[in-house]
């Protein structure tokens, strides 16, 4: 059973999302919160696997909440839910330590898909954000480089391949894949592999044109 928490200050949206997610097989909503401060308090008593997190909230918004969750509960996987799709906002989201990004105007079926992929792969990236990501370019000096094998692993992860699948495609062991992933996280200063993918996208090492649709 996948345990889900929902944090959104809009009551009707939050309740509706609860009903929707509760209808997904083997997925259960175990807590709701209207802002990050309330969420942190409730997590003292309830454990969750995945957090559906809104960005625009009073008292403690989604950006601050994400950082706090990463500090206090690093095993919780965060799926950011937002109506926002401006370039600056997407850039800021990608620099957070969330594992997935999802816009609220996407279909209910895709939300279920996102939750399951996040639980299984530890990674979800919504394809609808592709056009915005392509507009983002980082102005800072790039001091990191990737090997061909590292780029292969990043691209395969972007296309939702898990460790064993990557190993089979590249004719290497699953353990070698994990070593490469750990090295990439260390190299980019990322706390999860979503951060590695975000770094590679923002610095144009990889392109969303290679992403399966």
N, C-alpha and C. Protein backbone atom coordinates (compact mmCIF):
# COMPACT_ATOMS: atom_id res chain seq x y z
N UNK A 1 0.84 -1.19 0.00
CA UNK A 1 0.00 0.00 0.00
C UNK A 1 0.88 1.26 0.00
N UNK A 2 0.63 2.15 -0.96
CA UNK A 2 1.37 3.41 -1.03
C UNK A 2 0.64 4.44 -0.17
N UNK A 3 1.30 4.99 0.81
CA UNK A 3 0.70 5.98 1.71
C UNK A 3 1.00 7.38 1.19
N UNK A 4 -0.07 8.15 0.99
CA UNK A 4 0.05 9.47 0.37
C UNK A 4 -0.41 10.57 1.33
N UNK A 5 0.31 11.68 1.31
CA UNK A 5 -0.11 12.88 2.01
C UNK A 5 -0.38 13.98 1.01
N UNK A 6 -1.36 14.84 1.29
CA UNK A 6 -1.73 15.94 0.39
C UNK A 6 -1.60 17.26 1.15
N UNK A 7 -0.87 18.20 0.61
CA UNK A 7 -0.74 19.52 1.23
C UNK A 7 -1.11 20.59 0.21
N UNK A 8 -2.25 21.23 0.44
CA UNK A 8 -2.79 22.26 -0.45
C UNK A 8 -3.75 23.11 0.35
N UNK A 9 -3.68 24.44 0.21
CA UNK A 9 -4.51 25.31 1.03
C UNK A 9 -5.93 25.47 0.50
N UNK A 10 -6.21 25.01 -0.72
CA UNK A 10 -7.57 25.08 -1.27
C UNK A 10 -8.35 23.84 -0.83
N UNK A 11 -9.32 24.05 0.05
CA UNK A 11 -10.03 22.92 0.68
C UNK A 11 -10.74 22.05 -0.34
N UNK A 12 -11.47 22.66 -1.27
CA UNK A 12 -12.23 21.88 -2.25
C UNK A 12 -11.29 21.05 -3.13
N UNK A 13 -10.20 21.67 -3.56
CA UNK A 13 -9.24 20.92 -4.39
C UNK A 13 -8.62 19.79 -3.58
N UNK A 14 -8.26 20.07 -2.33
CA UNK A 14 -7.62 19.05 -1.50
C UNK A 14 -8.56 17.87 -1.24
N UNK A 15 -9.82 18.18 -0.91
CA UNK A 15 -10.79 17.12 -0.66
C UNK A 15 -11.08 16.32 -1.93
N UNK A 16 -11.18 17.03 -3.05
CA UNK A 16 -11.42 16.34 -4.32
C UNK A 16 -10.26 15.44 -4.70
N UNK A 17 -9.04 15.93 -4.45
CA UNK A 17 -7.85 15.15 -4.74
C UNK A 17 -7.79 13.91 -3.84
N UNK A 18 -8.21 14.08 -2.60
CA UNK A 18 -8.26 12.95 -1.67
C UNK A 18 -9.19 11.87 -2.20
N UNK A 19 -10.39 12.26 -2.63
CA UNK A 19 -11.35 11.30 -3.16
C UNK A 19 -10.80 10.60 -4.40
N UNK A 20 -10.17 11.37 -5.26
CA UNK A 20 -9.61 10.81 -6.49
C UNK A 20 -8.52 9.80 -6.19
N UNK A 21 -7.56 10.20 -5.39
CA UNK A 21 -6.41 9.32 -5.10
C UNK A 21 -6.85 8.08 -4.32
N UNK A 22 -7.84 8.24 -3.46
CA UNK A 22 -8.32 7.11 -2.65
C UNK A 22 -8.97 6.03 -3.50
N UNK A 23 -9.36 6.38 -4.73
CA UNK A 23 -9.95 5.40 -5.64
C UNK A 23 -8.89 4.60 -6.42
N UNK A 24 -7.63 5.02 -6.33
CA UNK A 24 -6.57 4.28 -7.00
C UNK A 24 -6.26 3.02 -6.20
N UNK A 25 -6.09 1.92 -6.87
CA UNK A 25 -5.86 0.65 -6.19
C UNK A 25 -4.52 0.65 -5.46
N UNK A 26 -4.56 0.18 -4.20
CA UNK A 26 -3.37 0.05 -3.35
C UNK A 26 -2.68 1.39 -3.08
N UNK A 27 -3.46 2.46 -3.13
CA UNK A 27 -2.95 3.78 -2.76
C UNK A 27 -3.92 4.38 -1.74
N UNK A 28 -3.40 4.89 -0.63
CA UNK A 28 -4.26 5.41 0.43
C UNK A 28 -3.78 6.77 0.90
N UNK A 29 -4.69 7.73 0.99
CA UNK A 29 -4.37 9.04 1.55
C UNK A 29 -4.47 8.94 3.07
N UNK A 30 -3.37 9.19 3.75
CA UNK A 30 -3.34 9.04 5.21
C UNK A 30 -3.31 10.36 5.95
N UNK A 31 -3.05 11.47 5.23
CA UNK A 31 -3.12 12.76 5.89
C UNK A 31 -3.32 13.89 4.88
N UNK A 32 -3.93 14.98 5.38
CA UNK A 32 -4.09 16.21 4.61
C UNK A 32 -3.56 17.37 5.44
N UNK A 33 -3.07 18.39 4.76
CA UNK A 33 -2.62 19.60 5.45
C UNK A 33 -2.86 20.80 4.54
N UNK A 34 -3.09 21.96 5.14
CA UNK A 34 -3.39 23.17 4.37
C UNK A 34 -2.14 24.01 4.09
N UNK A 35 -1.03 23.68 4.76
CA UNK A 35 0.24 24.38 4.52
C UNK A 35 1.38 23.55 5.10
N UNK A 36 2.60 23.99 4.85
CA UNK A 36 3.75 23.23 5.29
C UNK A 36 3.87 23.10 6.79
N UNK A 37 3.51 24.15 7.50
CA UNK A 37 3.60 24.12 8.96
C UNK A 37 2.69 23.04 9.54
N UNK A 38 1.47 22.97 9.03
CA UNK A 38 0.53 21.95 9.49
C UNK A 38 1.02 20.55 9.10
N UNK A 39 1.59 20.43 7.91
CA UNK A 39 2.11 19.14 7.45
C UNK A 39 3.20 18.63 8.38
N UNK A 40 4.17 19.48 8.72
CA UNK A 40 5.27 19.07 9.59
C UNK A 40 4.75 18.57 10.93
N UNK A 41 3.73 19.22 11.43
CA UNK A 41 3.13 18.81 12.71
C UNK A 41 2.48 17.44 12.59
N UNK A 42 1.74 17.22 11.48
CA UNK A 42 1.04 15.94 11.31
C UNK A 42 1.99 14.78 11.04
N UNK A 43 3.13 15.07 10.44
CA UNK A 43 4.10 14.01 10.16
C UNK A 43 4.75 13.47 11.43
N UNK A 44 4.55 14.14 12.53
CA UNK A 44 5.05 13.63 13.81
C UNK A 44 4.25 12.40 14.24
N UNK A 45 3.03 12.25 13.66
CA UNK A 45 2.13 11.17 14.08
C UNK A 45 1.79 10.20 12.94
N UNK A 46 1.95 10.62 11.70
CA UNK A 46 1.60 9.79 10.55
C UNK A 46 2.77 9.68 9.58
N UNK A 47 2.99 8.49 9.05
CA UNK A 47 4.06 8.27 8.09
C UNK A 47 3.49 8.18 6.68
N UNK A 48 4.19 8.75 5.71
CA UNK A 48 3.76 8.68 4.32
C UNK A 48 4.94 8.30 3.43
N UNK A 49 4.60 7.78 2.26
CA UNK A 49 5.62 7.43 1.27
C UNK A 49 5.80 8.53 0.24
N UNK A 50 4.68 9.14 -0.14
CA UNK A 50 4.69 10.17 -1.19
C UNK A 50 3.89 11.38 -0.72
N UNK A 51 4.44 12.57 -0.98
CA UNK A 51 3.76 13.81 -0.64
C UNK A 51 3.36 14.54 -1.91
N UNK A 52 2.07 14.84 -2.06
CA UNK A 52 1.58 15.69 -3.14
C UNK A 52 1.58 17.11 -2.60
N UNK A 53 2.43 17.96 -3.14
CA UNK A 53 2.72 19.26 -2.53
C UNK A 53 2.39 20.42 -3.45
N UNK A 54 1.52 21.31 -2.99
CA UNK A 54 1.22 22.55 -3.69
C UNK A 54 2.34 23.55 -3.41
N UNK A 55 2.50 24.54 -4.30
CA UNK A 55 3.54 25.55 -4.11
C UNK A 55 3.04 26.80 -3.41
N UNK A 56 1.88 27.27 -3.80
CA UNK A 56 1.36 28.55 -3.29
C UNK A 56 0.47 28.29 -2.08
N UNK A 57 1.03 28.49 -0.88
CA UNK A 57 0.30 28.28 0.36
C UNK A 57 0.71 29.33 1.38
N UNK A 58 -0.18 29.66 2.32
CA UNK A 58 0.17 30.62 3.38
C UNK A 58 1.05 29.98 4.44
N UNK A 59 1.67 30.80 5.26
CA UNK A 59 2.49 30.40 6.41
C UNK A 59 3.80 29.71 6.02
N UNK A 60 3.71 28.60 5.29
CA UNK A 60 4.90 27.93 4.79
C UNK A 60 4.59 27.40 3.40
N UNK A 61 5.16 28.03 2.37
CA UNK A 61 4.81 27.66 1.00
C UNK A 61 5.49 26.37 0.58
N UNK A 62 5.24 25.95 -0.66
CA UNK A 62 5.76 24.67 -1.13
C UNK A 62 7.27 24.62 -1.23
N UNK A 63 7.90 25.73 -1.58
CA UNK A 63 9.36 25.74 -1.70
C UNK A 63 10.02 25.51 -0.34
N UNK A 64 9.56 26.26 0.66
CA UNK A 64 10.11 26.10 2.01
C UNK A 64 9.77 24.74 2.58
N UNK A 65 8.55 24.27 2.31
CA UNK A 65 8.12 22.97 2.80
C UNK A 65 8.98 21.85 2.23
N UNK A 66 9.26 21.94 0.94
CA UNK A 66 10.09 20.92 0.28
C UNK A 66 11.46 20.82 0.95
N UNK A 67 12.08 21.95 1.21
CA UNK A 67 13.39 21.96 1.85
C UNK A 67 13.33 21.36 3.26
N UNK A 68 12.25 21.66 3.97
CA UNK A 68 12.09 21.16 5.34
C UNK A 68 11.87 19.65 5.34
N UNK A 69 11.07 19.16 4.41
CA UNK A 69 10.82 17.72 4.31
C UNK A 69 12.11 16.98 3.96
N UNK A 70 12.89 17.55 3.06
CA UNK A 70 14.16 16.92 2.68
C UNK A 70 15.09 16.81 3.89
N UNK A 71 15.01 17.81 4.76
CA UNK A 71 15.86 17.82 5.96
C UNK A 71 15.37 16.82 7.01
N UNK A 72 14.05 16.82 7.27
CA UNK A 72 13.50 16.03 8.37
C UNK A 72 13.09 14.62 7.97
N UNK A 73 12.60 14.46 6.74
CA UNK A 73 12.08 13.17 6.28
C UNK A 73 12.60 12.87 4.87
N UNK A 74 13.90 12.59 4.73
CA UNK A 74 14.50 12.41 3.41
C UNK A 74 13.95 11.23 2.61
N UNK A 75 13.28 10.29 3.27
CA UNK A 75 12.74 9.13 2.55
C UNK A 75 11.40 9.41 1.88
N UNK A 76 10.76 10.51 2.23
CA UNK A 76 9.49 10.87 1.59
C UNK A 76 9.77 11.39 0.19
N UNK A 77 9.04 10.85 -0.79
CA UNK A 77 9.19 11.30 -2.18
C UNK A 77 8.16 12.40 -2.44
N UNK A 78 8.62 13.50 -3.01
CA UNK A 78 7.77 14.67 -3.19
C UNK A 78 7.37 14.85 -4.64
N UNK A 79 6.06 14.92 -4.87
CA UNK A 79 5.52 15.24 -6.19
C UNK A 79 4.90 16.63 -6.12
N UNK A 80 5.53 17.59 -6.75
CA UNK A 80 5.05 18.97 -6.72
C UNK A 80 3.83 19.10 -7.63
N UNK A 81 2.74 19.64 -7.08
CA UNK A 81 1.53 19.89 -7.85
C UNK A 81 1.32 21.39 -7.96
N UNK A 82 1.19 21.90 -9.17
CA UNK A 82 1.02 23.34 -9.30
C UNK A 82 0.33 23.72 -10.60
N UNK A 83 -0.36 24.87 -10.59
CA UNK A 83 -0.90 25.46 -11.81
C UNK A 83 0.18 26.29 -12.51
N UNK A 84 1.25 26.60 -11.78
CA UNK A 84 2.27 27.49 -12.31
C UNK A 84 3.10 26.80 -13.38
N UNK A 85 3.32 27.48 -14.48
CA UNK A 85 4.17 26.90 -15.53
C UNK A 85 5.07 27.95 -16.16
N UNK A 86 5.30 29.07 -15.44
CA UNK A 86 6.22 30.08 -15.94
C UNK A 86 7.65 29.56 -15.87
N UNK A 87 8.48 30.05 -16.78
CA UNK A 87 9.85 29.57 -16.87
C UNK A 87 10.61 29.72 -15.56
N UNK A 88 10.52 30.88 -14.91
CA UNK A 88 11.25 31.12 -13.66
C UNK A 88 10.80 30.16 -12.57
N UNK A 89 9.48 29.88 -12.53
CA UNK A 89 8.96 28.98 -11.51
C UNK A 89 9.44 27.57 -11.75
N UNK A 90 9.41 27.13 -13.01
CA UNK A 90 9.85 25.77 -13.34
C UNK A 90 11.33 25.61 -13.01
N UNK A 91 12.13 26.64 -13.32
CA UNK A 91 13.55 26.59 -12.98
C UNK A 91 13.74 26.41 -11.47
N UNK A 92 13.00 27.19 -10.69
CA UNK A 92 13.11 27.11 -9.24
C UNK A 92 12.68 25.75 -8.73
N UNK A 93 11.62 25.19 -9.32
CA UNK A 93 11.14 23.87 -8.93
C UNK A 93 12.22 22.82 -9.22
N UNK A 94 12.85 22.93 -10.38
CA UNK A 94 13.84 21.93 -10.76
C UNK A 94 15.09 22.00 -9.91
N UNK A 95 15.32 23.13 -9.26
CA UNK A 95 16.47 23.27 -8.38
C UNK A 95 16.17 22.82 -6.95
N UNK A 96 14.90 22.45 -6.70
CA UNK A 96 14.52 21.89 -5.41
C UNK A 96 14.88 20.41 -5.40
N UNK A 97 14.74 19.79 -4.24
CA UNK A 97 15.06 18.37 -4.13
C UNK A 97 13.82 17.50 -4.22
N UNK A 98 12.84 17.93 -5.01
CA UNK A 98 11.66 17.11 -5.25
C UNK A 98 12.00 16.01 -6.25
N UNK A 99 11.22 14.93 -6.24
CA UNK A 99 11.46 13.83 -7.17
C UNK A 99 10.53 13.87 -8.38
N UNK A 100 9.52 14.74 -8.34
CA UNK A 100 8.59 14.78 -9.47
C UNK A 100 7.85 16.09 -9.55
N UNK A 101 7.39 16.43 -10.76
CA UNK A 101 6.67 17.69 -11.00
C UNK A 101 5.43 17.38 -11.83
N UNK A 102 4.31 17.97 -11.44
CA UNK A 102 3.03 17.64 -12.06
C UNK A 102 2.14 18.88 -12.07
N UNK A 103 1.64 19.29 -13.23
CA UNK A 103 0.75 20.44 -13.30
C UNK A 103 -0.70 20.00 -13.09
N UNK A 104 -1.47 20.84 -12.40
CA UNK A 104 -2.81 20.47 -11.96
C UNK A 104 -3.83 20.32 -13.09
N UNK A 105 -3.49 20.80 -14.29
CA UNK A 105 -4.44 20.65 -15.39
C UNK A 105 -4.23 19.35 -16.17
N UNK A 106 -3.41 18.45 -15.64
CA UNK A 106 -3.17 17.16 -16.26
C UNK A 106 -4.26 16.17 -15.84
N UNK A 107 -4.49 15.14 -16.62
CA UNK A 107 -5.60 14.21 -16.40
C UNK A 107 -5.42 13.39 -15.12
N UNK A 108 -6.55 12.97 -14.50
CA UNK A 108 -6.49 12.13 -13.30
C UNK A 108 -5.73 10.83 -13.52
N UNK A 109 -5.87 10.25 -14.71
CA UNK A 109 -5.15 9.01 -15.00
C UNK A 109 -3.65 9.19 -14.97
N UNK A 110 -3.20 10.34 -15.41
CA UNK A 110 -1.76 10.60 -15.41
C UNK A 110 -1.25 10.82 -13.98
N UNK A 111 -2.11 11.33 -13.10
CA UNK A 111 -1.72 11.48 -11.70
C UNK A 111 -1.47 10.12 -11.08
N UNK A 112 -2.34 9.17 -11.34
CA UNK A 112 -2.12 7.82 -10.82
C UNK A 112 -0.82 7.26 -11.37
N UNK A 113 -0.59 7.47 -12.65
CA UNK A 113 0.65 7.02 -13.28
C UNK A 113 1.87 7.66 -12.61
N UNK A 114 1.75 8.96 -12.30
CA UNK A 114 2.86 9.68 -11.66
C UNK A 114 3.16 9.11 -10.28
N UNK A 115 2.12 8.84 -9.49
CA UNK A 115 2.32 8.31 -8.14
C UNK A 115 2.98 6.94 -8.20
N UNK A 116 2.53 6.10 -9.10
CA UNK A 116 3.09 4.74 -9.19
C UNK A 116 4.54 4.77 -9.69
N UNK A 117 4.83 5.63 -10.65
CA UNK A 117 6.20 5.71 -11.16
C UNK A 117 7.13 6.31 -10.12
N UNK A 118 6.62 7.27 -9.36
CA UNK A 118 7.43 7.86 -8.30
C UNK A 118 7.74 6.82 -7.23
N UNK A 119 6.75 6.00 -6.90
CA UNK A 119 6.95 4.96 -5.90
C UNK A 119 7.91 3.89 -6.40
N UNK A 120 7.79 3.52 -7.66
CA UNK A 120 8.62 2.44 -8.22
C UNK A 120 10.01 2.90 -8.62
N UNK A 121 10.08 4.05 -9.29
CA UNK A 121 11.34 4.51 -9.86
C UNK A 121 12.03 5.59 -9.04
N UNK A 122 11.27 6.21 -8.13
CA UNK A 122 11.82 7.35 -7.39
C UNK A 122 11.98 8.58 -8.25
N UNK A 123 11.21 8.64 -9.36
CA UNK A 123 11.41 9.69 -10.35
C UNK A 123 10.14 9.84 -11.20
N UNK A 124 9.72 11.10 -11.41
CA UNK A 124 8.64 11.35 -12.37
C UNK A 124 8.82 12.74 -12.96
N UNK A 125 8.70 12.84 -14.28
CA UNK A 125 8.81 14.13 -14.95
C UNK A 125 7.68 14.25 -15.97
N UNK A 126 6.85 15.26 -15.79
CA UNK A 126 5.70 15.41 -16.68
C UNK A 126 6.12 15.94 -18.05
N UNK A 127 5.71 15.23 -19.07
CA UNK A 127 6.10 15.58 -20.44
C UNK A 127 5.54 16.94 -20.88
N UNK A 128 4.44 17.39 -20.28
CA UNK A 128 3.83 18.67 -20.67
C UNK A 128 4.74 19.86 -20.35
N UNK A 129 5.73 19.65 -19.50
CA UNK A 129 6.65 20.73 -19.16
C UNK A 129 7.80 20.86 -20.16
N UNK A 130 7.82 19.98 -21.14
CA UNK A 130 8.95 19.91 -22.06
C UNK A 130 9.24 21.24 -22.76
N UNK A 131 8.20 21.89 -23.27
CA UNK A 131 8.41 23.13 -24.02
C UNK A 131 8.99 24.23 -23.14
N UNK A 132 8.61 24.24 -21.86
CA UNK A 132 9.13 25.26 -20.93
C UNK A 132 10.58 24.97 -20.59
N UNK A 133 10.88 23.69 -20.35
CA UNK A 133 12.25 23.32 -20.01
C UNK A 133 13.21 23.68 -21.14
N UNK A 134 12.76 23.52 -22.37
CA UNK A 134 13.62 23.83 -23.51
C UNK A 134 13.98 25.31 -23.58
N UNK A 135 13.18 26.18 -22.93
CA UNK A 135 13.44 27.61 -22.94
C UNK A 135 14.46 28.02 -21.88
N UNK A 136 14.71 27.11 -20.94
CA UNK A 136 15.56 27.45 -19.80
C UNK A 136 17.02 27.19 -20.14
N UNK A 137 17.85 28.16 -19.93
CA UNK A 137 19.30 27.97 -20.09
C UNK A 137 19.99 28.58 -18.89
N UNK A 138 20.98 27.89 -18.38
CA UNK A 138 21.68 28.37 -17.19
C UNK A 138 22.82 29.28 -17.60
N UNK A 139 22.89 30.45 -16.98
CA UNK A 139 23.91 31.44 -17.34
C UNK A 139 25.21 31.25 -16.57
N UNK A 140 25.24 30.36 -15.59
CA UNK A 140 26.45 30.16 -14.80
C UNK A 140 27.48 29.35 -15.61
N UNK A 141 28.74 29.51 -15.22
CA UNK A 141 29.79 28.73 -15.85
C UNK A 141 29.59 27.25 -15.52
N UNK A 142 29.78 26.40 -16.51
CA UNK A 142 29.62 24.97 -16.32
C UNK A 142 30.98 24.35 -16.06
N UNK A 143 31.16 23.79 -14.89
CA UNK A 143 32.45 23.20 -14.53
C UNK A 143 32.38 21.68 -14.49
N UNK A 144 31.17 21.13 -14.65
CA UNK A 144 30.98 19.68 -14.59
C UNK A 144 30.86 19.13 -16.00
N UNK A 145 31.44 17.98 -16.23
CA UNK A 145 31.27 17.28 -17.50
C UNK A 145 30.80 15.87 -17.22
N UNK A 146 30.14 15.26 -18.19
CA UNK A 146 29.63 13.90 -18.06
C UNK A 146 30.27 13.00 -19.10
N UNK A 147 30.49 11.76 -18.72
CA UNK A 147 30.98 10.78 -19.68
C UNK A 147 29.82 10.29 -20.54
N UNK A 148 30.15 9.62 -21.62
CA UNK A 148 29.10 9.08 -22.50
C UNK A 148 28.22 8.09 -21.74
N UNK A 149 28.81 7.25 -20.92
CA UNK A 149 28.05 6.29 -20.14
C UNK A 149 27.13 6.99 -19.14
N UNK A 150 27.61 8.04 -18.50
CA UNK A 150 26.78 8.79 -17.56
C UNK A 150 25.59 9.41 -18.26
N UNK A 151 25.79 9.96 -19.44
CA UNK A 151 24.69 10.56 -20.19
C UNK A 151 23.68 9.51 -20.63
N UNK A 152 24.17 8.31 -20.95
CA UNK A 152 23.26 7.22 -21.30
C UNK A 152 22.36 6.88 -20.13
N UNK A 153 22.93 6.83 -18.94
CA UNK A 153 22.15 6.51 -17.73
C UNK A 153 21.15 7.61 -17.42
N UNK A 154 21.55 8.86 -17.57
CA UNK A 154 20.63 9.98 -17.33
C UNK A 154 19.48 9.95 -18.32
N UNK A 155 19.78 9.73 -19.59
CA UNK A 155 18.73 9.68 -20.61
C UNK A 155 17.77 8.52 -20.40
N UNK A 156 18.29 7.37 -20.03
CA UNK A 156 17.42 6.22 -19.79
C UNK A 156 16.54 6.44 -18.57
N UNK A 157 17.08 7.09 -17.55
CA UNK A 157 16.27 7.43 -16.37
C UNK A 157 15.18 8.42 -16.73
N UNK A 158 15.52 9.40 -17.57
CA UNK A 158 14.52 10.36 -18.03
C UNK A 158 13.38 9.66 -18.74
N UNK A 159 13.69 8.56 -19.40
CA UNK A 159 12.68 7.78 -20.11
C UNK A 159 12.10 6.67 -19.24
N UNK A 160 12.24 6.86 -17.90
CA UNK A 160 11.55 6.05 -16.90
C UNK A 160 12.03 4.61 -16.83
N UNK A 161 13.27 4.36 -17.22
CA UNK A 161 13.86 3.03 -17.05
C UNK A 161 14.38 2.91 -15.62
N UNK A 162 14.16 1.76 -15.00
CA UNK A 162 14.67 1.53 -13.66
C UNK A 162 16.02 0.83 -13.75
N UNK A 163 16.65 0.59 -12.59
CA UNK A 163 18.01 0.08 -12.55
C UNK A 163 18.27 -1.16 -13.38
N UNK A 164 17.42 -2.19 -13.21
CA UNK A 164 17.62 -3.44 -13.95
C UNK A 164 17.48 -3.24 -15.45
N UNK A 165 16.52 -2.40 -15.86
CA UNK A 165 16.32 -2.14 -17.29
C UNK A 165 17.52 -1.40 -17.88
N UNK A 166 18.05 -0.44 -17.13
CA UNK A 166 19.23 0.29 -17.59
C UNK A 166 20.41 -0.67 -17.73
N UNK A 167 20.56 -1.55 -16.74
CA UNK A 167 21.67 -2.51 -16.76
C UNK A 167 21.58 -3.41 -17.99
N UNK A 168 20.38 -3.90 -18.30
CA UNK A 168 20.20 -4.78 -19.45
C UNK A 168 20.51 -4.06 -20.76
N UNK A 169 20.06 -2.82 -20.88
CA UNK A 169 20.27 -2.07 -22.13
C UNK A 169 21.74 -1.73 -22.34
N UNK A 170 22.46 -1.49 -21.25
CA UNK A 170 23.86 -1.07 -21.37
C UNK A 170 24.83 -2.23 -21.18
N UNK A 171 24.29 -3.44 -20.91
CA UNK A 171 25.12 -4.64 -20.73
C UNK A 171 26.10 -4.47 -19.57
N UNK A 172 25.58 -3.92 -18.49
CA UNK A 172 26.35 -3.79 -17.26
C UNK A 172 25.51 -4.33 -16.11
N UNK A 173 26.10 -4.45 -14.93
CA UNK A 173 25.35 -4.99 -13.79
C UNK A 173 24.52 -3.90 -13.12
N UNK A 174 23.42 -4.29 -12.46
CA UNK A 174 22.61 -3.31 -11.71
C UNK A 174 23.45 -2.57 -10.67
N UNK A 175 24.43 -3.27 -10.07
CA UNK A 175 25.28 -2.63 -9.08
C UNK A 175 26.10 -1.51 -9.72
N UNK A 176 26.58 -1.75 -10.94
CA UNK A 176 27.35 -0.72 -11.65
C UNK A 176 26.48 0.49 -11.95
N UNK A 177 25.21 0.25 -12.29
CA UNK A 177 24.27 1.35 -12.52
C UNK A 177 24.13 2.19 -11.27
N UNK A 178 23.98 1.53 -10.11
CA UNK A 178 23.82 2.25 -8.85
C UNK A 178 25.08 3.04 -8.50
N UNK A 179 26.24 2.47 -8.80
CA UNK A 179 27.50 3.19 -8.55
C UNK A 179 27.55 4.45 -9.40
N UNK A 180 27.18 4.33 -10.68
CA UNK A 180 27.15 5.49 -11.57
C UNK A 180 26.18 6.55 -11.03
N UNK A 181 25.01 6.11 -10.57
CA UNK A 181 24.01 7.06 -10.07
C UNK A 181 24.51 7.79 -8.83
N UNK A 182 25.14 7.06 -7.93
CA UNK A 182 25.69 7.70 -6.72
C UNK A 182 26.77 8.71 -7.09
N UNK A 183 27.62 8.33 -8.04
CA UNK A 183 28.67 9.24 -8.48
C UNK A 183 28.09 10.50 -9.12
N UNK A 184 27.03 10.33 -9.90
CA UNK A 184 26.39 11.48 -10.56
C UNK A 184 25.75 12.41 -9.54
N UNK A 185 25.12 11.84 -8.51
CA UNK A 185 24.53 12.66 -7.47
C UNK A 185 25.60 13.46 -6.73
N UNK A 186 26.72 12.80 -6.46
CA UNK A 186 27.83 13.49 -5.78
C UNK A 186 28.43 14.57 -6.68
N UNK A 187 28.59 14.26 -7.95
CA UNK A 187 29.19 15.19 -8.90
C UNK A 187 28.36 16.46 -9.05
N UNK A 188 27.02 16.31 -9.06
CA UNK A 188 26.13 17.46 -9.27
C UNK A 188 25.63 18.07 -7.96
N UNK A 189 26.00 17.47 -6.83
CA UNK A 189 25.54 17.97 -5.54
C UNK A 189 24.06 17.75 -5.33
N UNK A 190 23.52 16.67 -5.89
CA UNK A 190 22.09 16.37 -5.82
C UNK A 190 21.80 15.37 -4.70
N UNK A 191 20.65 15.52 -4.07
CA UNK A 191 20.26 14.60 -3.00
C UNK A 191 19.45 13.43 -3.53
N UNK A 192 18.98 13.51 -4.78
CA UNK A 192 18.30 12.40 -5.42
C UNK A 192 18.57 12.48 -6.92
N UNK A 193 18.17 11.44 -7.67
CA UNK A 193 18.55 11.41 -9.08
C UNK A 193 17.72 12.37 -9.92
N UNK A 194 16.58 12.80 -9.41
CA UNK A 194 15.83 13.84 -10.09
C UNK A 194 16.69 15.09 -10.20
N UNK A 195 17.48 15.37 -9.17
CA UNK A 195 18.36 16.53 -9.21
C UNK A 195 19.42 16.41 -10.29
N UNK A 196 19.91 15.20 -10.53
CA UNK A 196 20.89 14.97 -11.59
C UNK A 196 20.26 15.26 -12.95
N UNK A 197 19.05 14.72 -13.17
CA UNK A 197 18.35 14.94 -14.44
C UNK A 197 18.06 16.42 -14.64
N UNK A 198 17.62 17.09 -13.57
CA UNK A 198 17.33 18.52 -13.65
C UNK A 198 18.58 19.30 -14.02
N UNK A 199 19.70 18.95 -13.40
CA UNK A 199 20.97 19.63 -13.71
C UNK A 199 21.33 19.44 -15.18
N UNK A 200 21.22 18.22 -15.66
CA UNK A 200 21.58 17.92 -17.04
C UNK A 200 20.67 18.66 -18.03
N UNK A 201 19.39 18.77 -17.68
CA UNK A 201 18.45 19.50 -18.55
C UNK A 201 18.74 20.99 -18.55
N UNK A 202 18.93 21.55 -17.36
CA UNK A 202 19.14 22.99 -17.23
C UNK A 202 20.43 23.44 -17.90
N UNK A 203 21.43 22.56 -17.93
CA UNK A 203 22.70 22.91 -18.53
C UNK A 203 22.85 22.38 -19.95
N UNK A 204 21.74 21.86 -20.50
CA UNK A 204 21.70 21.43 -21.90
C UNK A 204 22.61 20.26 -22.23
N UNK A 205 22.91 19.42 -21.22
CA UNK A 205 23.67 18.21 -21.52
C UNK A 205 22.78 17.18 -22.21
N UNK A 206 21.49 17.20 -21.88
CA UNK A 206 20.53 16.31 -22.51
C UNK A 206 19.35 17.13 -23.01
N UNK A 207 18.56 16.54 -23.90
CA UNK A 207 17.43 17.25 -24.48
C UNK A 207 16.16 16.44 -24.28
N UNK A 208 15.05 17.13 -24.09
CA UNK A 208 13.78 16.46 -23.96
C UNK A 208 13.29 15.90 -25.29
N UNK A 209 13.98 16.22 -26.37
CA UNK A 209 13.64 15.62 -27.66
C UNK A 209 13.89 14.12 -27.65
N UNK A 210 14.75 13.67 -26.72
CA UNK A 210 15.05 12.25 -26.61
C UNK A 210 14.11 11.53 -25.66
N UNK A 211 13.12 12.25 -25.13
CA UNK A 211 12.19 11.68 -24.16
C UNK A 211 11.06 10.99 -24.89
N UNK A 212 10.71 9.77 -24.46
CA UNK A 212 9.62 9.05 -25.09
C UNK A 212 8.29 9.74 -24.82
N UNK A 213 7.42 9.76 -25.82
CA UNK A 213 6.11 10.40 -25.67
C UNK A 213 5.02 9.36 -25.84
